[in-house]
Amino acid sequence: MRPTCIFDAHALKHAIKGAGTNEKVLTEILAS
């Protein structure tokens, strides 16, 4: 139910949060 841009921002925040990063999420969102 989240608008796309809010979903993406949320996913990016969680991809860089805490120890390590989720490179797949970063790449998927920013490259597509």
PDB file of all heavy atoms in Angstrom:
ATOM      1  N   MET A   1       0.801  -1.217   0.000  1.00  0.00           N
ATOM      2  CA  MET A   1       0.000   0.000   0.000  1.00  0.00           C
ATOM      3  C   MET A   1       0.840   1.276   0.000  1.00  0.00           C
ATOM      4  O   MET A   1       0.306   2.360  -0.192  1.00  0.00           O
ATOM      5  CB  MET A   1      -0.956   0.012   1.205  1.00  0.00           C
ATOM      6  CG  MET A   1      -2.051  -1.029   1.114  1.00  0.00           C
ATOM      7  SD  MET A   1      -3.004  -0.971  -0.422  1.00  0.00           S
ATOM      8  CE  MET A   1      -3.642   0.685  -0.384  1.00  0.00           C
ATOM      9  N   ARG A   2       2.125   1.154   0.204  1.00  0.00           N
ATOM     10  CA  ARG A   2       2.980   2.348   0.190  1.00  0.00           C
ATOM     11  C   ARG A   2       3.130   2.855  -1.241  1.00  0.00           C
ATOM     12  O   ARG A   2       3.356   2.061  -2.155  1.00  0.00           O
ATOM     13  CB  ARG A   2       4.372   2.025   0.711  1.00  0.00           C
ATOM     14  CG  ARG A   2       4.459   1.880   2.192  1.00  0.00           C
ATOM     15  CD  ARG A   2       5.939   1.847   2.614  1.00  0.00           C
ATOM     16  NE  ARG A   2       6.018   1.736   4.051  1.00  0.00           N
ATOM     17  CZ  ARG A   2       6.467   0.669   4.700  1.00  0.00           C
ATOM     18  NH1 ARG A   2       6.901  -0.369   4.034  1.00  0.00           N
ATOM     19  NH2 ARG A   2       6.504   0.656   6.001  1.00  0.00           N
ATOM     20  N   PRO A   3       3.070   4.179  -1.423  1.00  0.00           N
ATOM     21  CA  PRO A   3       3.416   4.712  -2.755  1.00  0.00           C
ATOM     22  C   PRO A   3       4.844   4.280  -3.099  1.00  0.00           C
ATOM     23  O   PRO A   3       5.692   4.125  -2.217  1.00  0.00           O
ATOM     24  CB  PRO A   3       3.315   6.224  -2.560  1.00  0.00           C
ATOM     25  CG  PRO A   3       2.354   6.390  -1.425  1.00  0.00           C
ATOM     26  CD  PRO A   3       2.619   5.217  -0.511  1.00  0.00           C
ATOM     27  N   THR A   4       5.111   4.092  -4.364  1.00  0.00           N
ATOM     28  CA  THR A   4       6.379   3.531  -4.818  1.00  0.00           C
ATOM     29  C   THR A   4       7.598   4.266  -4.262  1.00  0.00           C
ATOM     30  O   THR A   4       8.534   3.630  -3.775  1.00  0.00           O
ATOM     31  CB  THR A   4       6.432   3.525  -6.357  1.00  0.00           C
ATOM     32  OG1 THR A   4       5.280   2.851  -6.841  1.00  0.00           O
ATOM     33  CG2 THR A   4       7.665   2.819  -6.869  1.00  0.00           C
ATOM     34  N   CYS A   5       7.592   5.592  -4.329  1.00  0.00           N
ATOM     35  CA  CYS A   5       8.778   6.334  -3.879  1.00  0.00           C
ATOM     36  C   CYS A   5       9.005   6.170  -2.377  1.00  0.00           C
ATOM     37  O   CYS A   5      10.152   6.101  -1.924  1.00  0.00           O
ATOM     38  CB  CYS A   5       8.680   7.801  -4.267  1.00  0.00           C
ATOM     39  SG  CYS A   5       7.234   8.632  -3.588  1.00  0.00           S
ATOM     40  N   ILE A   6       7.942   6.066  -1.596  1.00  0.00           N
ATOM     41  CA  ILE A   6       8.082   5.852  -0.153  1.00  0.00           C
ATOM     42  C   ILE A   6       8.580   4.442   0.116  1.00  0.00           C
ATOM     43  O   ILE A   6       9.448   4.227   0.969  1.00  0.00           O
ATOM     44  CB  ILE A   6       6.758   6.153   0.578  1.00  0.00           C
ATOM     45  CG1 ILE A   6       6.430   7.642   0.464  1.00  0.00           C
ATOM     46  CG2 ILE A   6       6.821   5.713   2.036  1.00  0.00           C
ATOM     47  CD1 ILE A   6       5.079   8.037   1.014  1.00  0.00           C
ATOM     48  N   PHE A   7       8.063   3.475  -0.626  1.00  0.00           N
ATOM     49  CA  PHE A   7       8.536   2.101  -0.481  1.00  0.00           C
ATOM     50  C   PHE A   7      10.029   2.017  -0.796  1.00  0.00           C
ATOM     51  O   PHE A   7      10.799   1.394  -0.064  1.00  0.00           O
ATOM     52  CB  PHE A   7       7.751   1.148  -1.391  1.00  0.00           C
ATOM     53  CG  PHE A   7       8.224  -0.274  -1.287  1.00  0.00           C
ATOM     54  CD1 PHE A   7       7.745  -1.096  -0.291  1.00  0.00           C
ATOM     55  CD2 PHE A   7       9.178  -0.762  -2.164  1.00  0.00           C
ATOM     56  CE1 PHE A   7       8.182  -2.414  -0.175  1.00  0.00           C
ATOM     57  CE2 PHE A   7       9.631  -2.064  -2.057  1.00  0.00           C
ATOM     58  CZ  PHE A   7       9.136  -2.894  -1.061  1.00  0.00           C
ATOM     59  N   ASP A   8      10.443   2.656  -1.887  1.00  0.00           N
ATOM     60  CA  ASP A   8      11.859   2.635  -2.273  1.00  0.00           C
ATOM     61  C   ASP A   8      12.740   3.284  -1.211  1.00  0.00           C
ATOM     62  O   ASP A   8      13.796   2.748  -0.861  1.00  0.00           O
ATOM     63  CB  ASP A   8      12.060   3.326  -3.617  1.00  0.00           C
ATOM     64  CG  ASP A   8      11.565   2.500  -4.793  1.00  0.00           C
ATOM     65  OD1 ASP A   8      11.290   1.294  -4.614  1.00  0.00           O
ATOM     66  OD2 ASP A   8      11.459   3.065  -5.897  1.00  0.00           O
ATOM     67  N   ALA A   9      12.319   4.435  -0.699  1.00  0.00           N
ATOM     68  CA  ALA A   9      13.100   5.121   0.339  1.00  0.00           C
ATOM     69  C   ALA A   9      13.216   4.239   1.581  1.00  0.00           C
ATOM     70  O   ALA A   9      14.300   4.114   2.172  1.00  0.00           O
ATOM     71  CB  ALA A   9      12.464   6.470   0.681  1.00  0.00           C
ATOM     72  N   HIS A  10      12.135   3.603   1.955  1.00  0.00           N
ATOM     73  CA  HIS A  10      12.129   2.710   3.113  1.00  0.00           C
ATOM     74  C   HIS A  10      13.066   1.516   2.875  1.00  0.00           C
ATOM     75  O   HIS A  10      13.853   1.146   3.749  1.00  0.00           O
ATOM     76  CB  HIS A  10      10.688   2.229   3.362  1.00  0.00           C
ATOM     77  CG  HIS A  10      10.547   1.287   4.498  1.00  0.00           C
ATOM     78  ND1 HIS A  10      10.520   1.690   5.814  1.00  0.00           N
ATOM     79  CD2 HIS A  10      10.419  -0.062   4.517  1.00  0.00           C
ATOM     80  CE1 HIS A  10      10.389   0.638   6.587  1.00  0.00           C
ATOM     81  NE2 HIS A  10      10.319  -0.437   5.829  1.00  0.00           N
ATOM     82  N   ALA A  11      12.990   0.925   1.691  1.00  0.00           N
ATOM     83  CA  ALA A  11      13.844  -0.220   1.370  1.00  0.00           C
ATOM     84  C   ALA A  11      15.321   0.175   1.381  1.00  0.00           C
ATOM     85  O   ALA A  11      16.172  -0.576   1.872  1.00  0.00           O
ATOM     86  CB  ALA A  11      13.461  -0.800   0.013  1.00  0.00           C
ATOM     87  N   LEU A  12      15.631   1.362   0.854  1.00  0.00           N
ATOM     88  CA  LEU A  12      17.021   1.837   0.859  1.00  0.00           C
ATOM     89  C   LEU A  12      17.511   2.065   2.285  1.00  0.00           C
ATOM     90  O   LEU A  12      18.647   1.719   2.614  1.00  0.00           O
ATOM     91  CB  LEU A  12      17.156   3.108   0.028  1.00  0.00           C
ATOM     92  CG  LEU A  12      17.021   2.915  -1.480  1.00  0.00           C
ATOM     93  CD1 LEU A  12      16.888   4.264  -2.187  1.00  0.00           C
ATOM     94  CD2 LEU A  12      18.194   2.124  -2.040  1.00  0.00           C
ATOM     95  N   LYS A  13      16.669   2.634   3.119  1.00  0.00           N
ATOM     96  CA  LYS A  13      17.066   2.867   4.514  1.00  0.00           C
ATOM     97  C   LYS A  13      17.433   1.550   5.188  1.00  0.00           C
ATOM     98  O   LYS A  13      18.444   1.447   5.873  1.00  0.00           O
ATOM     99  CB  LYS A  13      15.954   3.556   5.289  1.00  0.00           C
ATOM    100  CG  LYS A  13      16.283   3.707   6.781  1.00  0.00           C
ATOM    101  CD  LYS A  13      15.549   4.807   7.413  1.00  0.00           C
ATOM    102  CE  LYS A  13      15.831   4.954   8.887  1.00  0.00           C
ATOM    103  NZ  LYS A  13      17.158   5.398   9.209  1.00  0.00           N
ATOM    104  N   HIS A  14      16.591   0.531   4.977  1.00  0.00           N
ATOM    105  CA  HIS A  14      16.860  -0.755   5.611  1.00  0.00           C
ATOM    106  C   HIS A  14      18.025  -1.496   4.954  1.00  0.00           C
ATOM    107  O   HIS A  14      18.670  -2.316   5.610  1.00  0.00           O
ATOM    108  CB  HIS A  14      15.591  -1.597   5.657  1.00  0.00           C
ATOM    109  CG  HIS A  14      14.623  -1.072   6.672  1.00  0.00           C
ATOM    110  ND1 HIS A  14      14.724  -1.347   8.013  1.00  0.00           N
ATOM    111  CD2 HIS A  14      13.580  -0.223   6.549  1.00  0.00           C
ATOM    112  CE1 HIS A  14      13.787  -0.714   8.669  1.00  0.00           C
ATOM    113  NE2 HIS A  14      13.069  -0.017   7.800  1.00  0.00           N
ATOM    114  N   ALA A  15      18.317  -1.183   3.709  1.00  0.00           N
ATOM    115  CA  ALA A  15      19.449  -1.823   3.028  1.00  0.00           C
ATOM    116  C   ALA A  15      20.788  -1.329   3.567  1.00  0.00           C
ATOM    117  O   ALA A  15      21.793  -2.030   3.468  1.00  0.00           O
ATOM    118  CB  ALA A  15      19.366  -1.577   1.522  1.00  0.00           C
ATOM    119  N   ILE A  16      20.806  -0.121   4.125  1.00  0.00           N
ATOM    120  CA  ILE A  16      22.062   0.432   4.648  1.00  0.00           C
ATOM    121  C   ILE A  16      22.072   0.522   6.165  1.00  0.00           C
ATOM    122  O   ILE A  16      23.044   0.982   6.759  1.00  0.00           O
ATOM    123  CB  ILE A  16      22.362   1.825   4.033  1.00  0.00           C
ATOM    124  CG1 ILE A  16      21.227   2.804   4.278  1.00  0.00           C
ATOM    125  CG2 ILE A  16      22.679   1.700   2.560  1.00  0.00           C
ATOM    126  CD1 ILE A  16      21.467   4.201   3.742  1.00  0.00           C
ATOM    127  N   LYS A  17      21.014   0.048   6.794  1.00  0.00           N
ATOM    128  CA  LYS A  17      20.891   0.120   8.248  1.00  0.00           C
ATOM    129  C   LYS A  17      21.652  -1.029   8.905  1.00  0.00           C
ATOM    130  O   LYS A  17      21.623  -2.154   8.420  1.00  0.00           O
ATOM    131  CB  LYS A  17      19.406   0.045   8.621  1.00  0.00           C
ATOM    132  CG  LYS A  17      19.100   0.160  10.088  1.00  0.00           C
ATOM    133  CD  LYS A  17      17.594   0.080  10.292  1.00  0.00           C
ATOM    134  CE  LYS A  17      17.255   0.127  11.767  1.00  0.00           C
ATOM    135  NZ  LYS A  17      15.810  -0.024  11.976  1.00  0.00           N
ATOM    136  N   GLY A  18      22.311  -0.736  10.003  1.00  0.00           N
ATOM    137  CA  GLY A  18      22.970  -1.777  10.779  1.00  0.00           C
ATOM    138  C   GLY A  18      24.261  -2.266  10.149  1.00  0.00           C
ATOM    139  O   GLY A  18      24.825  -1.641   9.261  1.00  0.00           O
ATOM    140  N   ALA A  19      24.694  -3.417  10.622  1.00  0.00           N
ATOM    141  CA  ALA A  19      25.945  -3.998  10.142  1.00  0.00           C
ATOM    142  C   ALA A  19      25.769  -4.525   8.726  1.00  0.00           C
ATOM    143  O   ALA A  19      24.827  -5.252   8.442  1.00  0.00           O
ATOM    144  CB  ALA A  19      26.395  -5.115  11.071  1.00  0.00           C
ATOM    145  N   GLY A  20      26.670  -4.132   7.839  1.00  0.00           N
ATOM    146  CA  GLY A  20      26.609  -4.595   6.457  1.00  0.00           C
ATOM    147  C   GLY A  20      25.552  -3.869   5.659  1.00  0.00           C
ATOM    148  O   GLY A  20      24.729  -3.141   6.198  1.00  0.00           O
ATOM    149  N   THR A  21      25.602  -4.051   4.366  1.00  0.00           N
ATOM    150  CA  THR A  21      24.606  -3.441   3.487  1.00  0.00           C
ATOM    151  C   THR A  21      24.011  -4.519   2.600  1.00  0.00           C
ATOM    152  O   THR A  21      24.649  -5.540   2.343  1.00  0.00           O
ATOM    153  CB  THR A  21      25.224  -2.362   2.576  1.00  0.00           C
ATOM    154  OG1 THR A  21      26.253  -2.961   1.791  1.00  0.00           O
ATOM    155  CG2 THR A  21      25.799  -1.208   3.360  1.00  0.00           C
ATOM    156  N   ASN A  22      22.812  -4.266   2.142  1.00  0.00           N
ATOM    157  CA  ASN A  22      22.173  -5.183   1.204  1.00  0.00           C
ATOM    158  C   ASN A  22      22.393  -4.601  -0.188  1.00  0.00           C
ATOM    159  O   ASN A  22      21.614  -3.783  -0.668  1.00  0.00           O
ATOM    160  CB  ASN A  22      20.690  -5.334   1.525  1.00  0.00           C
ATOM    161  CG  ASN A  22      20.018  -6.387   0.685  1.00  0.00           C
ATOM    162  OD1 ASN A  22      20.455  -6.691  -0.425  1.00  0.00           O
ATOM    163  ND2 ASN A  22      18.938  -6.942   1.205  1.00  0.00           N
ATOM    164  N   GLU A  23      23.481  -5.027  -0.816  1.00  0.00           N
ATOM    165  CA  GLU A  23      23.859  -4.479  -2.120  1.00  0.00           C
ATOM    166  C   GLU A  23      22.833  -4.769  -3.201  1.00  0.00           C
ATOM    167  O   GLU A  23      22.654  -3.972  -4.117  1.00  0.00           O
ATOM    168  CB  GLU A  23      25.245  -4.992  -2.535  1.00  0.00           C
ATOM    169  CG  GLU A  23      26.366  -4.298  -1.785  1.00  0.00           C
ATOM    170  CD  GLU A  23      27.270  -5.278  -1.048  1.00  0.00           C
ATOM    171  OE1 GLU A  23      27.067  -6.494  -1.185  1.00  0.00           O
ATOM    172  OE2 GLU A  23      28.152  -4.798  -0.328  1.00  0.00           O
ATOM    173  N   LYS A  24      22.151  -5.888  -3.102  1.00  0.00           N
ATOM    174  CA  LYS A  24      21.136  -6.230  -4.101  1.00  0.00           C
ATOM    175  C   LYS A  24      20.005  -5.205  -4.101  1.00  0.00           C
ATOM    176  O   LYS A  24      19.536  -4.800  -5.162  1.00  0.00           O
ATOM    177  CB  LYS A  24      20.575  -7.632  -3.854  1.00  0.00           C
ATOM    178  CG  LYS A  24      21.541  -8.738  -4.201  1.00  0.00           C
ATOM    179  CD  LYS A  24      20.913 -10.098  -3.965  1.00  0.00           C
ATOM    180  CE  LYS A  24      21.901 -11.200  -4.299  1.00  0.00           C
ATOM    181  NZ  LYS A  24      21.317 -12.529  -4.098  1.00  0.00           N
ATOM    182  N   VAL A  25      19.568  -4.802  -2.932  1.00  0.00           N
ATOM    183  CA  VAL A  25      18.489  -3.812  -2.834  1.00  0.00           C
ATOM    184  C   VAL A  25      18.964  -2.465  -3.378  1.00  0.00           C
ATOM    185  O   VAL A  25      18.260  -1.819  -4.164  1.00  0.00           O
ATOM    186  CB  VAL A  25      17.988  -3.669  -1.380  1.00  0.00           C
ATOM    187  CG1 VAL A  25      17.038  -2.487  -1.235  1.00  0.00           C
ATOM    188  CG2 VAL A  25      17.304  -4.949  -0.928  1.00  0.00           C
ATOM    189  N   LEU A  26      20.158  -2.052  -2.984  1.00  0.00           N
ATOM    190  CA  LEU A  26      20.705  -0.779  -3.469  1.00  0.00           C
ATOM    191  C   LEU A  26      20.778  -0.778  -4.993  1.00  0.00           C
ATOM    192  O   LEU A  26      20.363   0.181  -5.650  1.00  0.00           O
ATOM    193  CB  LEU A  26      22.095  -0.527  -2.874  1.00  0.00           C
ATOM    194  CG  LEU A  26      22.172  -0.331  -1.364  1.00  0.00           C
ATOM    195  CD1 LEU A  26      23.623  -0.256  -0.913  1.00  0.00           C
ATOM    196  CD2 LEU A  26      21.405   0.891  -0.926  1.00  0.00           C
ATOM    197  N   THR A  27      21.311  -1.851  -5.548  1.00  0.00           N
ATOM    198  CA  THR A  27      21.467  -1.946  -7.001  1.00  0.00           C
ATOM    199  C   THR A  27      20.117  -2.000  -7.702  1.00  0.00           C
ATOM    200  O   THR A  27      19.887  -1.291  -8.676  1.00  0.00           O
ATOM    201  CB  THR A  27      22.306  -3.183  -7.367  1.00  0.00           C
ATOM    202  OG1 THR A  27      23.550  -3.127  -6.669  1.00  0.00           O
ATOM    203  CG2 THR A  27      22.560  -3.253  -8.849  1.00  0.00           C
ATOM    204  N   GLU A  28      19.235  -2.837  -7.211  1.00  0.00           N
ATOM    205  CA  GLU A  28      17.919  -3.006  -7.844  1.00  0.00           C
ATOM    206  C   GLU A  28      17.175  -1.681  -7.937  1.00  0.00           C
ATOM    207  O   GLU A  28      16.662  -1.313  -8.993  1.00  0.00           O
ATOM    208  CB  GLU A  28      17.075  -4.013  -7.055  1.00  0.00           C
ATOM    209  CG  GLU A  28      15.627  -4.092  -7.486  1.00  0.00           C
ATOM    210  CD  GLU A  28      15.421  -4.668  -8.871  1.00  0.00           C
ATOM    211  OE1 GLU A  28      16.264  -5.439  -9.332  1.00  0.00           O
ATOM    212  OE2 GLU A  28      14.395  -4.337  -9.494  1.00  0.00           O
ATOM    213  N   ILE A  29      17.135  -0.950  -6.854  1.00  0.00           N
ATOM    214  CA  ILE A  29      16.369   0.295  -6.847  1.00  0.00           C
ATOM    215  C   ILE A  29      17.067   1.381  -7.657  1.00  0.00           C
ATOM    216  O   ILE A  29      16.472   1.987  -8.551  1.00  0.00           O
ATOM    217  CB  ILE A  29      16.093   0.759  -5.402  1.00  0.00           C
ATOM    218  CG1 ILE A  29      15.125  -0.217  -4.729  1.00  0.00           C
ATOM    219  CG2 ILE A  29      15.525   2.185  -5.391  1.00  0.00           C
ATOM    220  CD1 ILE A  29      14.903   0.032  -3.257  1.00  0.00           C
ATOM    221  N   LEU A  30      18.317   1.637  -7.375  1.00  0.00           N
ATOM    222  CA  LEU A  30      18.986   2.777  -8.011  1.00  0.00           C
ATOM    223  C   LEU A  30      19.276   2.560  -9.495  1.00  0.00           C
ATOM    224  O   LEU A  30      19.284   3.514 -10.266  1.00  0.00           O
ATOM    225  CB  LEU A  30      20.266   3.124  -7.252  1.00  0.00           C
ATOM    226  CG  LEU A  30      20.018   3.598  -5.814  1.00  0.00           C
ATOM    227  CD1 LEU A  30      21.337   3.844  -5.105  1.00  0.00           C
ATOM    228  CD2 LEU A  30      19.131   4.829  -5.779  1.00  0.00           C
ATOM    229  N   ALA A  31      19.475   1.314  -9.905  1.00  0.00           N
ATOM    230  CA  ALA A  31      19.783   1.057 -11.318  1.00  0.00           C
ATOM    231  C   ALA A  31      18.526   0.904 -12.172  1.00  0.00           C
ATOM    232  O   ALA A  31      18.600   1.052 -13.385  1.00  0.00           O
ATOM    233  CB  ALA A  31      20.657  -0.187 -11.450  1.00  0.00           C
ATOM    234  N   SER A  32      17.399   0.631 -11.557  1.00  0.00           N
ATOM    235  CA  SER A  32      16.197   0.371 -12.362  1.00  0.00           C
ATOM    236  C   SER A  32      15.206   1.530 -12.405  1.00  0.00           C
ATOM    237  O   SER A  32      14.223   1.469 -13.131  1.00  0.00           O
ATOM    238  CB  SER A  32      15.481  -0.883 -11.847  1.00  0.00           C
ATOM    239  OG  SER A  32      14.953  -0.652 -10.561  1.00  0.00           O
TER     240      SER A  32
END
